[in-house]
Amino acid sequence: MPAYSGEVSVPGETRRQAPLPTQATNGGPGLRGPGPAGERGCPRGRLPPACGAVPSPGPAPAELRLGTGGSARPGRGLGRGLRWAGPCPPPLPGQRGGAISPTADSPNPRRPFQARGGGYGVFIVAAKRTPFGSYGGLLKDFTATDLTEHAARAALAAGKVSPEIIDSVVVGSVMQSSADAIYIARHVGLRVGVPVPVPALTVNRLCGSGFQSIASGCQEICLNESEVVLCGGAESMSQAPYAVRNIRFGTRLGAELKLEDTLWAALTDTYVKIPMAITAENLAAKYNITREDCDRYAFKTQQRCKAAHDAGYFNAEMAPIEVKTKKGKESMQKDKQPKPQTSLEQLAKLPSVFKKDGTVTAGNASGVCDGAGAVIIASESALKKHSLTPLARVVAYHSSGCDPSIMGIGPVPAITEVLKKAGLTLKDMDLVEVNEAFAPQYLAVEKVLGLDPEKTNVNGGAIAMGHPLGASGSRITAHLVHELRHCGGKYAVGSTCIGGGQGIAVIIENTA
């Protein structure tokens, strides 16, 4: 396996300032108890085992329990079901994210997180997605909210989950391209019948937003704030508007008004001042990946996607949607982005788009498209209480930063660290999904991690299906859940690179 150069910022070597004692952190309560740092809290994003809430500074009884604020349903109102289960263990260096209920014989055992009501573990009980529509295609008139609502309704029906038992709604979205997009999580919940008192949260970890919705939902369950969480991810890239900047308060005489394509602008990292595709070109140069390598991989992923569609491997995750066409209304059953007729000869003729004699072309990059997914997760106690059937268990998740100029390498530290948290190795994974933002980006990750091509992106990826930014994590999760059950595998890991220099990964376990 090629040596890991260290240019990626692996957790433990971060340059963040440590949080203040009362500073809220990702994945844990903001208030810290008294005592040494190692005893009064947990590192950013690492959920404390069996620790529903960390007490506020000052003495507090060991059996402190916070009430439900008079709410008729648990998990609502002031102090929603929070419970202090004693001091947290000392933090592990560089840890972020969570390992949820590792097995007793794990090489790196930890006490499992305690979900509300004494149940352990977080389980996926439903996972659905819309077909992905091509840019300006059949889904162009659907907002991201519309698409997520459709996926959420399908997930609720598939999992036989009543919206009445949902405790929280978390939706990931990036562009927020429609007028109602700022309300997306809230509106999705209300539209599908989730009770009005239930809170909603919209998250944005760019291309990892779909995964982040699941991670955030796991945190709520493990912190005893929720029992059942509706998670989702969505993007309507077709609805990204044009904008005219700096005219709200008038312009000077003779000033030129320039339209800004907000979609194109969003795909350029202004911190390093380069488009996302150039970060992939940087990886191609760094890891000696050729244009021919990229075209061969793009051809393979198109062929794998076609074979999977023909065999019906996507049927279990798909939520067909009714669309308007010139011939009237019809049911959109499959992704519209794939180009199964693509040949190696056609790919070789395409010009490189961002760099002279470069590797990235329109044929070996992920397509701009529209779509959404929904994943419903629940605590073990909720499974019993509501007679829910688990499809998979969320084992662990991890997010990590990396050099923005090679942002596509983000899955390397994310997967490396999430495996450590779970006490597992890549050999334990029966399926691996790495989002294909660009062919050289995927190939760099494959080379550095030493991924097995025979169990990675086995049914094609984003180069074929498209990459609606906020939805890809939800798509990958839904696919892994159902493909694990189809192939009889045990573990799977899904990951995406993230613009700006991050990566996120989630491990799931088949419960069949």
Protein backbone atom coordinates (compact mmCIF):
# COMPACT_ATOMS: atom_id res chain seq x y z
CA MET A 1 0.00 0.00 0.00
CA PRO A 2 1.50 3.40 -0.91
CA ALA A 3 2.85 5.36 1.99
CA TYR A 4 0.58 7.97 3.44
CA SER A 5 2.46 11.23 2.93
CA GLY A 6 1.00 13.04 5.90
CA GLU A 7 -0.16 16.00 3.85
CA VAL A 8 -3.68 15.26 4.95
CA SER A 9 -4.49 16.71 8.35
CA VAL A 10 -5.16 13.56 10.35
CA PRO A 11 -7.06 14.07 13.62
CA GLY A 12 -4.65 14.41 16.49
CA GLU A 13 -2.58 16.84 14.45
CA THR A 14 -5.24 19.51 14.18
CA ARG A 15 -4.56 23.15 14.84
CA ARG A 16 -7.80 23.95 16.58
CA GLN A 17 -7.83 25.80 19.82
CA ALA A 18 -9.18 23.64 22.63
CA PRO A 19 -12.77 24.54 23.57
CA LEU A 20 -13.36 26.62 26.63
CA PRO A 21 -14.88 24.82 29.60
CA THR A 22 -18.34 26.16 28.74
CA GLN A 23 -18.03 26.11 24.96
CA ALA A 24 -20.50 23.93 23.08
CA THR A 25 -18.80 21.28 20.97
CA ASN A 26 -19.87 19.07 18.11
CA GLY A 27 -21.34 15.91 19.51
CA GLY A 28 -21.50 16.79 23.19
CA PRO A 29 -23.22 19.14 25.61
CA GLY A 30 -21.66 22.54 25.99
CA LEU A 31 -21.38 22.57 29.76
CA ARG A 32 -18.48 20.83 31.42
CA GLY A 33 -18.21 19.55 34.96
CA PRO A 34 -15.49 20.42 37.45
CA GLY A 35 -12.16 18.67 37.64
CA PRO A 36 -9.24 17.99 35.30
CA ALA A 37 -9.86 18.34 31.59
CA GLY A 38 -9.71 14.59 31.06
CA GLU A 39 -12.50 14.08 33.59
CA ARG A 40 -14.90 16.91 32.87
CA GLY A 41 -15.77 16.28 29.26
CA CYS A 42 -15.13 14.43 26.05
CA PRO A 43 -13.23 15.58 22.97
CA ARG A 44 -15.04 17.36 20.19
CA GLY A 45 -17.51 15.08 18.49
CA ARG A 46 -16.79 11.93 20.49
CA LEU A 47 -19.99 10.87 22.16
CA PRO A 48 -19.35 9.76 25.73
CA PRO A 49 -20.21 6.11 26.42
CA ALA A 50 -23.30 5.72 28.60
CA CYS A 51 -23.28 9.43 29.26
CA GLY A 52 -26.59 11.01 28.42
CA ALA A 53 -25.52 14.46 29.56
CA VAL A 54 -22.53 16.03 31.23
CA PRO A 55 -23.43 18.01 34.36
CA SER A 56 -23.03 21.75 34.53
CA PRO A 57 -20.13 23.12 36.60
CA GLY A 58 -20.54 22.71 40.32
CA PRO A 59 -21.59 19.82 42.53
CA ALA A 60 -24.50 17.72 41.37
CA PRO A 61 -25.99 14.47 42.63
CA ALA A 62 -24.92 11.37 40.73
CA GLU A 63 -28.52 10.50 39.95
CA LEU A 64 -29.37 13.91 38.50
CA ARG A 65 -32.25 13.67 36.08
CA LEU A 66 -33.80 16.44 34.05
CA GLY A 67 -37.53 16.44 33.53
CA THR A 68 -39.41 16.66 30.29
CA GLY A 69 -40.67 20.17 30.96
CA GLY A 70 -44.25 19.01 31.25
CA SER A 71 -44.34 17.62 27.73
CA ALA A 72 -46.76 14.75 27.22
CA ARG A 73 -44.31 12.97 24.91
CA PRO A 74 -40.81 12.03 26.12
CA GLY A 75 -38.00 13.91 24.50
CA ARG A 76 -39.87 17.22 24.23
CA GLY A 77 -39.67 20.38 26.26
CA LEU A 78 -37.07 21.60 28.71
CA GLY A 79 -34.30 19.12 29.37
CA ARG A 80 -35.68 16.63 26.88
CA GLY A 81 -34.98 13.32 28.59
CA LEU A 82 -31.38 14.23 29.45
CA ARG A 83 -29.82 12.06 32.10
CA TRP A 84 -26.46 12.19 33.81
CA ALA A 85 -24.97 8.72 34.07
CA GLY A 86 -21.81 9.72 35.88
CA PRO A 87 -18.43 11.12 34.77
CA CYS A 88 -17.18 10.54 31.26
CA PRO A 89 -14.02 8.49 30.63
CA PRO A 90 -10.78 10.31 29.74
CA PRO A 91 -10.71 11.50 26.13
CA LEU A 92 -8.81 9.60 23.48
CA PRO A 93 -6.29 11.79 21.60
CA GLY A 94 -7.60 13.15 18.32
CA GLN A 95 -10.99 11.52 18.59
CA ARG A 96 -14.00 13.00 16.82
CA GLY A 97 -17.19 11.31 15.80
CA GLY A 98 -18.53 8.31 17.61
CA ALA A 99 -18.23 4.56 17.90
CA ILE A 100 -21.63 3.19 18.71
CA SER A 101 -22.01 -0.04 20.65
CA PRO A 102 -18.92 -1.99 19.52
CA THR A 103 -19.12 -5.74 19.96
CA ALA A 104 -17.83 -7.26 23.16
CA ASP A 105 -14.93 -9.00 21.40
CA SER A 106 -13.86 -5.87 19.53
CA PRO A 107 -10.07 -5.29 19.52
CA ASN A 108 -10.81 -1.79 20.77
CA PRO A 109 -13.78 -2.30 23.12
CA ARG A 110 -15.66 0.58 24.70
CA ARG A 111 -18.76 0.66 26.78
CA PRO A 112 -21.69 1.12 24.40
CA PHE A 113 -23.55 4.38 24.20
CA GLN A 114 -26.78 4.31 26.13
CA ALA A 115 -29.82 5.37 24.18
CA ARG A 116 -32.86 6.75 25.96
CA GLY A 117 -34.83 4.25 27.99
CA GLY A 118 -31.84 2.00 28.64
CA GLY A 119 -31.59 0.62 25.08
CA TYR A 120 -28.21 0.37 23.40
CA GLY A 121 -27.15 1.10 19.84
CA VAL A 122 -28.51 3.11 16.93
CA PHE A 123 -30.29 1.25 14.14
CA ILE A 124 -31.41 2.10 10.62
CA VAL A 125 -35.04 1.07 10.19
CA ALA A 126 -35.67 2.55 6.73
CA ALA A 127 -33.57 3.99 3.90
CA LYS A 128 -35.00 5.34 0.66
CA ARG A 129 -34.02 7.78 -2.07
CA THR A 130 -35.49 9.36 -5.14
CA PRO A 131 -34.15 8.52 -8.56
CA PHE A 132 -31.57 11.15 -9.50
CA GLY A 133 -32.57 13.52 -12.29
CA SER A 134 -30.09 15.02 -14.74
CA TYR A 135 -29.32 18.73 -14.69
CA GLY A 136 -32.29 20.62 -16.11
CA GLY A 137 -34.12 17.32 -16.49
CA LEU A 138 -37.30 15.75 -15.15
CA LEU A 139 -36.75 16.88 -11.55
CA LYS A 140 -35.81 20.49 -12.32
CA ASP A 141 -39.14 21.85 -11.08
CA PHE A 142 -38.96 20.03 -7.74
CA THR A 143 -37.36 21.94 -4.87
CA ALA A 144 -34.99 20.16 -2.52
CA THR A 145 -37.81 20.25 0.03
CA ASP A 146 -40.18 18.52 -2.41
CA LEU A 147 -37.63 15.81 -3.13
CA THR A 148 -36.84 15.19 0.54
CA GLU A 149 -40.53 15.02 1.39
CA HIS A 150 -40.98 12.33 -1.24
CA ALA A 151 -38.03 10.29 0.05
CA ALA A 152 -39.18 10.74 3.65
CA ARG A 153 -42.71 9.54 2.91
CA ALA A 154 -41.27 6.48 1.18
CA ALA A 155 -38.97 5.75 4.13
CA LEU A 156 -41.79 6.10 6.67
CA ALA A 157 -43.94 3.71 4.64
CA ALA A 158 -41.15 1.20 4.05
CA GLY A 159 -40.17 1.08 7.72
CA LYS A 160 -43.79 1.12 8.93
CA VAL A 161 -42.87 4.14 11.02
CA SER A 162 -45.63 6.48 12.12
CA PRO A 163 -44.61 10.14 11.83
CA GLU A 164 -46.12 10.54 15.31
CA ILE A 165 -43.13 8.75 16.88
CA ILE A 166 -40.46 10.90 15.21
CA ASP A 167 -38.57 12.90 17.86
CA SER A 168 -36.39 14.99 15.55
CA VAL A 169 -35.83 15.82 11.88
CA VAL A 170 -32.32 16.43 10.51
CA VAL A 171 -31.76 17.21 6.83
CA GLY A 172 -28.50 17.97 5.03
CA SER A 173 -28.50 20.42 2.13
CA VAL A 174 -25.80 22.57 0.54
CA MET A 175 -26.94 25.03 -2.12
CA GLN A 176 -30.31 25.95 -0.56
CA SER A 177 -31.34 26.95 -4.05
CA SER A 178 -35.09 27.54 -3.61
CA ALA A 179 -36.87 30.26 -1.65
CA ASP A 180 -38.08 27.79 0.98
CA ALA A 181 -34.74 25.98 1.32
CA ILE A 182 -33.84 27.65 4.60
CA TYR A 183 -36.82 25.84 6.12
CA ILE A 184 -36.09 22.46 4.51
CA ALA A 185 -35.81 20.26 7.61
CA ARG A 186 -38.77 21.92 9.32
CA HIS A 187 -41.00 21.87 6.27
CA VAL A 188 -40.18 18.24 5.47
CA GLY A 189 -41.21 17.23 8.97
CA LEU A 190 -44.45 19.17 8.87
CA ARG A 191 -45.35 17.98 5.38
CA VAL A 192 -44.99 14.29 6.25
CA GLY A 193 -47.01 14.58 9.45
CA VAL A 194 -44.37 14.87 12.16
CA PRO A 195 -46.01 16.56 15.19
CA VAL A 196 -45.61 20.34 15.44
CA PRO A 197 -43.62 20.25 18.74
CA VAL A 198 -40.88 18.11 17.15
CA PRO A 199 -37.73 20.16 16.40
CA ALA A 200 -35.90 20.22 13.08
CA LEU A 201 -32.32 20.94 12.08
CA THR A 202 -30.75 21.65 8.69
CA VAL A 203 -27.04 20.78 8.46
CA ASN A 204 -24.44 21.63 5.84
CA ARG A 205 -21.20 19.66 5.65
CA LEU A 206 -21.17 20.19 1.89
CA CYS A 207 -20.83 16.87 0.04
CA GLY A 208 -20.97 15.02 3.38
CA SER A 209 -24.26 16.59 4.47
CA GLY A 210 -26.30 13.42 3.95
CA PHE A 211 -23.89 11.48 6.15
CA GLN A 212 -23.82 14.34 8.65
CA SER A 213 -27.58 14.17 9.07
CA ILE A 214 -27.15 10.57 10.25
CA ALA A 215 -24.22 11.45 12.51
CA SER A 216 -26.22 14.29 14.06
CA GLY A 217 -29.19 11.99 14.53
CA CYS A 218 -26.97 9.41 16.23
CA GLN A 219 -25.72 12.10 18.58
CA GLU A 220 -29.27 13.01 19.55
CA ILE A 221 -30.10 9.39 20.29
CA CYS A 222 -26.89 8.68 22.16
CA LEU A 223 -27.31 11.85 24.22
CA ASN A 224 -30.83 10.71 25.14
CA GLU A 225 -32.45 13.62 23.33
CA SER A 226 -34.35 11.49 20.81
CA GLU A 227 -35.44 7.92 20.22
CA VAL A 228 -36.40 8.05 16.53
CA VAL A 229 -34.85 10.53 14.09
CA LEU A 230 -35.81 11.24 10.49
CA CYS A 231 -32.56 12.02 8.65
CA GLY A 232 -32.15 13.11 5.06
CA GLY A 233 -30.06 14.79 2.41
CA ALA A 234 -31.12 16.70 -0.69
CA GLU A 235 -30.02 18.96 -3.51
CA SER A 236 -31.72 20.65 -6.43
CA MET A 237 -28.74 21.81 -8.44
CA SER A 238 -31.00 22.65 -11.38
CA GLN A 239 -32.62 25.38 -9.28
CA ALA A 240 -29.38 27.13 -8.36
CA PRO A 241 -30.13 30.76 -9.28
CA TYR A 242 -28.14 33.47 -10.97
CA ALA A 243 -27.37 36.41 -8.70
CA VAL A 244 -26.40 40.05 -9.10
CA ARG A 245 -24.22 41.12 -6.21
CA ASN A 246 -23.94 44.50 -4.50
CA ILE A 247 -26.98 46.24 -6.00
CA ARG A 248 -29.40 46.18 -3.08
CA PHE A 249 -28.36 49.64 -1.93
CA GLY A 250 -27.79 51.15 -5.35
CA THR A 251 -24.88 51.31 -7.78
CA ARG A 252 -22.61 54.03 -9.03
CA LEU A 253 -23.11 55.66 -12.43
CA GLY A 254 -21.93 53.42 -15.22
CA ALA A 255 -21.39 50.36 -13.03
CA GLU A 256 -21.68 47.08 -14.91
CA LEU A 257 -24.13 44.57 -13.49
CA LYS A 258 -22.73 41.06 -13.71
CA LEU A 259 -24.72 37.88 -13.30
CA GLU A 260 -23.11 35.32 -11.03
CA ASP A 261 -23.84 31.64 -11.58
CA THR A 262 -24.23 30.56 -7.96
CA LEU A 263 -23.80 26.90 -8.92
CA TRP A 264 -20.44 27.49 -10.56
CA ALA A 265 -19.40 29.81 -7.74
CA ALA A 266 -20.24 27.16 -5.14
CA LEU A 267 -17.99 24.64 -6.89
CA THR A 268 -14.99 26.93 -6.48
CA ASP A 269 -13.14 27.10 -3.16
CA THR A 270 -12.35 30.78 -2.64
CA TYR A 271 -9.95 29.99 0.21
CA VAL A 272 -7.50 28.24 -2.10
CA LYS A 273 -8.93 30.03 -5.16
CA ILE A 274 -9.38 26.92 -7.30
CA PRO A 275 -12.36 24.95 -8.64
CA MET A 276 -13.08 21.52 -7.20
CA ALA A 277 -11.87 19.85 -10.40
CA ILE A 278 -8.41 21.35 -9.99
CA THR A 279 -8.14 19.72 -6.57
CA ALA A 280 -8.67 16.44 -8.43
CA GLU A 281 -6.01 17.39 -10.97
CA ASN A 282 -3.66 18.02 -8.05
CA LEU A 283 -4.30 14.50 -6.79
CA ALA A 284 -3.69 13.07 -10.25
CA ALA A 285 -0.30 14.77 -10.35
CA LYS A 286 0.58 13.76 -6.79
CA TYR A 287 -0.29 10.08 -7.20
CA ASN A 288 0.71 9.61 -10.86
CA ILE A 289 -2.81 8.96 -12.09
CA THR A 290 -3.14 9.20 -15.87
CA ARG A 291 -5.98 10.29 -18.12
CA GLU A 292 -6.22 6.70 -19.36
CA ASP A 293 -6.61 5.46 -15.77
CA CYS A 294 -9.46 7.91 -15.24
CA ASP A 295 -11.28 7.00 -18.44
CA ARG A 296 -10.99 3.28 -17.73
CA TYR A 297 -12.45 3.79 -14.28
CA ALA A 298 -15.28 5.97 -15.61
CA PHE A 299 -16.13 3.29 -18.15
CA LYS A 300 -16.14 0.61 -15.44
CA THR A 301 -18.44 2.56 -13.13
CA GLN A 302 -20.88 3.20 -15.99
CA GLN A 303 -20.95 -0.50 -16.84
CA ARG A 304 -21.38 -1.53 -13.21
CA CYS A 305 -24.25 0.92 -12.81
CA LYS A 306 -25.98 -0.40 -15.93
CA ALA A 307 -25.64 -4.01 -14.77
CA ALA A 308 -27.00 -3.12 -11.33
CA HIS A 309 -29.97 -1.24 -12.77
CA ASP A 310 -30.74 -4.10 -15.16
CA ALA A 311 -30.56 -6.62 -12.31
CA GLY A 312 -32.83 -4.53 -10.09
CA TYR A 313 -30.21 -3.98 -7.40
CA PHE A 314 -31.41 -0.41 -6.81
CA ASN A 315 -35.09 -1.30 -6.48
CA ALA A 316 -35.06 -1.69 -2.69
CA GLU A 317 -33.66 1.80 -2.11
CA MET A 318 -35.59 3.58 -4.86
CA ALA A 319 -38.72 5.67 -4.30
CA PRO A 320 -40.22 6.23 -7.79
CA ILE A 321 -41.57 9.72 -8.29
CA GLU A 322 -44.29 11.03 -10.60
CA VAL A 323 -42.99 13.60 -13.08
CA LYS A 324 -44.42 15.64 -15.93
CA THR A 325 -43.21 14.95 -19.45
CA LYS A 326 -44.26 16.07 -22.91
CA LYS A 327 -46.37 12.93 -23.07
CA GLY A 328 -48.05 13.60 -19.74
CA LYS A 329 -47.37 12.29 -16.26
CA GLU A 330 -45.18 9.25 -15.79
CA SER A 331 -43.43 7.43 -12.96
CA MET A 332 -39.69 8.04 -12.88
CA GLN A 333 -38.28 4.70 -11.74
CA LYS A 334 -34.55 4.98 -12.42
CA ASP A 335 -31.69 7.47 -12.33
CA LYS A 336 -31.54 9.58 -15.48
CA GLN A 337 -27.88 10.56 -15.21
CA PRO A 338 -26.16 7.27 -16.23
CA LYS A 339 -24.83 6.93 -19.77
CA PRO A 340 -24.54 3.17 -20.26
CA GLN A 341 -23.79 3.54 -23.95
CA THR A 342 -20.50 5.28 -23.14
CA SER A 343 -17.44 3.65 -24.70
CA LEU A 344 -13.75 4.02 -23.93
CA GLU A 345 -13.25 5.51 -27.38
CA GLN A 346 -15.84 8.22 -26.70
CA LEU A 347 -14.32 9.00 -23.31
CA ALA A 348 -10.86 9.34 -24.84
CA LYS A 349 -12.09 11.96 -27.31
CA LEU A 350 -13.47 14.30 -24.64
CA PRO A 351 -11.32 17.36 -23.92
CA SER A 352 -9.93 17.98 -20.47
CA VAL A 353 -11.98 20.79 -19.00
CA PHE A 354 -9.92 22.55 -16.35
CA LYS A 355 -6.29 21.94 -17.24
CA LYS A 356 -4.47 21.56 -20.54
CA ASP A 357 -3.66 17.88 -21.02
CA GLY A 358 -5.35 17.24 -17.69
CA THR A 359 -7.27 14.21 -16.46
CA VAL A 360 -10.74 15.58 -15.62
CA THR A 361 -13.35 15.56 -18.38
CA ALA A 362 -17.11 15.71 -18.54
CA GLY A 363 -17.06 11.93 -18.92
CA ASN A 364 -15.03 11.01 -15.84
CA ALA A 365 -16.45 13.52 -13.36
CA SER A 366 -19.64 13.21 -11.34
CA GLY A 367 -22.69 14.73 -12.97
CA VAL A 368 -24.54 17.80 -11.71
CA CYS A 369 -28.03 16.57 -10.85
CA ASP A 370 -31.05 16.61 -8.51
CA GLY A 371 -32.20 14.15 -5.87
CA ALA A 372 -32.81 13.35 -2.21
CA GLY A 373 -32.67 10.52 0.29
CA ALA A 374 -34.11 9.73 3.72
CA VAL A 375 -32.81 7.44 6.46
CA ILE A 376 -34.75 6.75 9.66
CA ILE A 377 -32.70 5.76 12.71
CA ALA A 378 -33.87 4.56 16.11
CA SER A 379 -32.57 3.49 19.49
CA GLU A 380 -32.75 -0.15 20.54
CA SER A 381 -35.42 0.66 23.08
CA ALA A 382 -37.47 2.36 20.34
CA LEU A 383 -37.28 -0.81 18.25
CA LYS A 384 -38.97 -2.74 21.03
CA LYS A 385 -41.42 -0.01 22.00
CA HIS A 386 -42.69 0.58 18.45
CA SER A 387 -42.11 -2.91 16.97
CA LEU A 388 -39.67 -1.59 14.37
CA THR A 389 -37.52 -3.90 12.26
CA PRO A 390 -33.84 -2.92 12.05
CA LEU A 391 -32.09 -3.14 8.68
CA ALA A 392 -28.63 -2.21 9.92
CA ARG A 393 -26.78 -0.88 12.94
CA VAL A 394 -24.74 2.32 12.81
CA VAL A 395 -21.37 1.19 14.15
CA ALA A 396 -19.32 4.40 13.98
CA TYR A 397 -18.82 7.66 12.12
CA HIS A 398 -15.97 10.12 11.75
CA SER A 399 -15.30 13.44 10.05
CA SER A 400 -11.85 14.84 9.40
CA GLY A 401 -10.09 17.77 7.78
CA CYS A 402 -7.47 17.71 5.03
CA ASP A 403 -5.60 20.09 2.73
CA PRO A 404 -8.25 22.03 0.73
CA SER A 405 -6.09 21.94 -2.41
CA ILE A 406 -6.42 18.14 -2.45
CA MET A 407 -9.83 17.96 -0.80
CA GLY A 408 -10.64 14.71 -2.59
CA ILE A 409 -8.28 12.76 -0.35
CA GLY A 410 -10.63 13.43 2.59
CA PRO A 411 -12.00 9.86 2.70
CA VAL A 412 -8.53 8.58 3.59
CA PRO A 413 -8.30 10.02 7.11
CA ALA A 414 -12.06 9.66 7.59
CA ILE A 415 -12.09 5.94 6.79
CA THR A 416 -8.82 5.32 8.62
CA GLU A 417 -10.10 6.87 11.81
CA VAL A 418 -13.63 5.45 11.70
CA LEU A 419 -12.15 1.95 11.40
CA LYS A 420 -10.01 2.62 14.47
CA LYS A 421 -13.06 3.75 16.41
CA ALA A 422 -14.94 0.60 15.48
CA GLY A 423 -12.00 -1.70 16.15
CA LEU A 424 -12.25 -2.99 12.58
CA THR A 425 -10.08 -3.07 9.45
CA LEU A 426 -10.73 -2.70 5.74
CA LYS A 427 -10.54 -6.49 5.49
CA ASP A 428 -13.61 -6.65 7.74
CA MET A 429 -15.59 -4.53 5.28
CA ASP A 430 -17.69 -6.54 2.83
CA LEU A 431 -18.64 -3.39 0.91
CA VAL A 432 -16.96 -0.01 0.52
CA GLU A 433 -18.50 3.07 -1.09
CA VAL A 434 -16.38 6.13 -1.82
CA ASN A 435 -18.20 8.95 -3.55
CA GLU A 436 -16.81 9.50 -7.03
CA ALA A 437 -16.56 13.27 -7.26
CA PHE A 438 -13.92 12.86 -9.96
CA ALA A 439 -12.16 9.78 -11.30
CA PRO A 440 -8.65 10.91 -10.23
CA GLN A 441 -10.03 11.74 -6.78
CA TYR A 442 -11.49 8.26 -6.33
CA LEU A 443 -8.39 6.57 -7.75
CA ALA A 444 -6.15 8.51 -5.35
CA VAL A 445 -8.22 7.32 -2.39
CA GLU A 446 -8.19 3.76 -3.73
CA LYS A 447 -4.40 3.86 -4.12
CA VAL A 448 -3.63 5.33 -0.70
CA LEU A 449 -6.01 3.07 1.23
CA GLY A 450 -5.32 0.00 -0.89
CA LEU A 451 -9.03 -0.54 -1.56
CA ASP A 452 -10.17 -3.79 -3.15
CA PRO A 453 -11.86 -2.84 -6.46
CA GLU A 454 -14.00 -5.98 -6.25
CA LYS A 455 -15.86 -4.78 -3.17
CA THR A 456 -15.68 -1.01 -3.70
CA ASN A 457 -18.45 0.85 -5.56
CA VAL A 458 -19.58 -2.52 -6.86
CA ASN A 459 -22.72 -1.13 -8.50
CA GLY A 460 -21.21 2.06 -9.86
CA GLY A 461 -21.01 5.47 -8.31
CA ALA A 462 -21.48 9.18 -8.80
CA ILE A 463 -19.66 9.33 -12.13
CA ALA A 464 -22.58 7.32 -13.47
CA MET A 465 -25.47 8.25 -11.15
CA GLY A 466 -24.57 11.87 -10.45
CA HIS A 467 -23.70 13.79 -7.31
CA PRO A 468 -26.49 16.01 -5.91
CA LEU A 469 -24.29 17.45 -3.19
CA GLY A 470 -26.37 17.12 -0.04
CA ALA A 471 -28.00 13.85 -1.11
CA SER A 472 -24.98 11.68 -1.87
CA GLY A 473 -24.39 10.56 1.72
CA SER A 474 -28.03 9.52 2.00
CA ARG A 475 -27.84 7.66 -1.32
CA ILE A 476 -24.69 5.80 -0.33
CA THR A 477 -26.14 4.85 3.06
CA ALA A 478 -29.38 3.60 1.53
CA HIS A 479 -27.50 1.59 -1.05
CA LEU A 480 -25.14 -0.01 1.47
CA VAL A 481 -28.03 -0.92 3.79
CA HIS A 482 -29.87 -2.80 1.05
CA GLU A 483 -26.82 -4.18 -0.77
CA LEU A 484 -25.46 -5.70 2.46
CA ARG A 485 -28.71 -7.58 2.86
CA HIS A 486 -28.69 -8.59 -0.80
CA CYS A 487 -25.14 -9.99 -0.74
CA GLY A 488 -25.28 -11.32 2.82
CA GLY A 489 -22.34 -9.21 4.00
CA LYS A 490 -21.77 -8.03 7.56
CA TYR A 491 -19.98 -4.66 7.51
CA ALA A 492 -19.83 -1.74 5.09
CA VAL A 493 -18.26 1.69 5.13
CA GLY A 494 -19.40 4.70 3.10
CA SER A 495 -17.48 7.92 2.65
CA THR A 496 -17.37 11.19 0.74
CA CYS A 497 -14.76 13.83 0.15
CA ILE A 498 -15.90 17.33 1.05
CA GLY A 499 -15.16 20.64 -0.65
CA GLY A 500 -12.98 22.90 1.46
CA GLY A 501 -10.88 19.97 2.62
CA GLN A 502 -12.79 17.42 4.71
CA GLY A 503 -13.91 13.82 4.65
CA ILE A 504 -16.64 11.89 6.44
CA ALA A 505 -17.23 8.16 6.84
CA VAL A 506 -19.90 5.94 8.40
CA ILE A 507 -19.71 2.21 9.17
CA ILE A 508 -22.87 0.11 9.28
CA GLU A 509 -23.51 -3.51 10.23
CA ASN A 510 -26.09 -5.78 8.64
CA THR A 511 -28.65 -6.94 11.21
CA ALA A 512 -30.28 -9.60 9.02
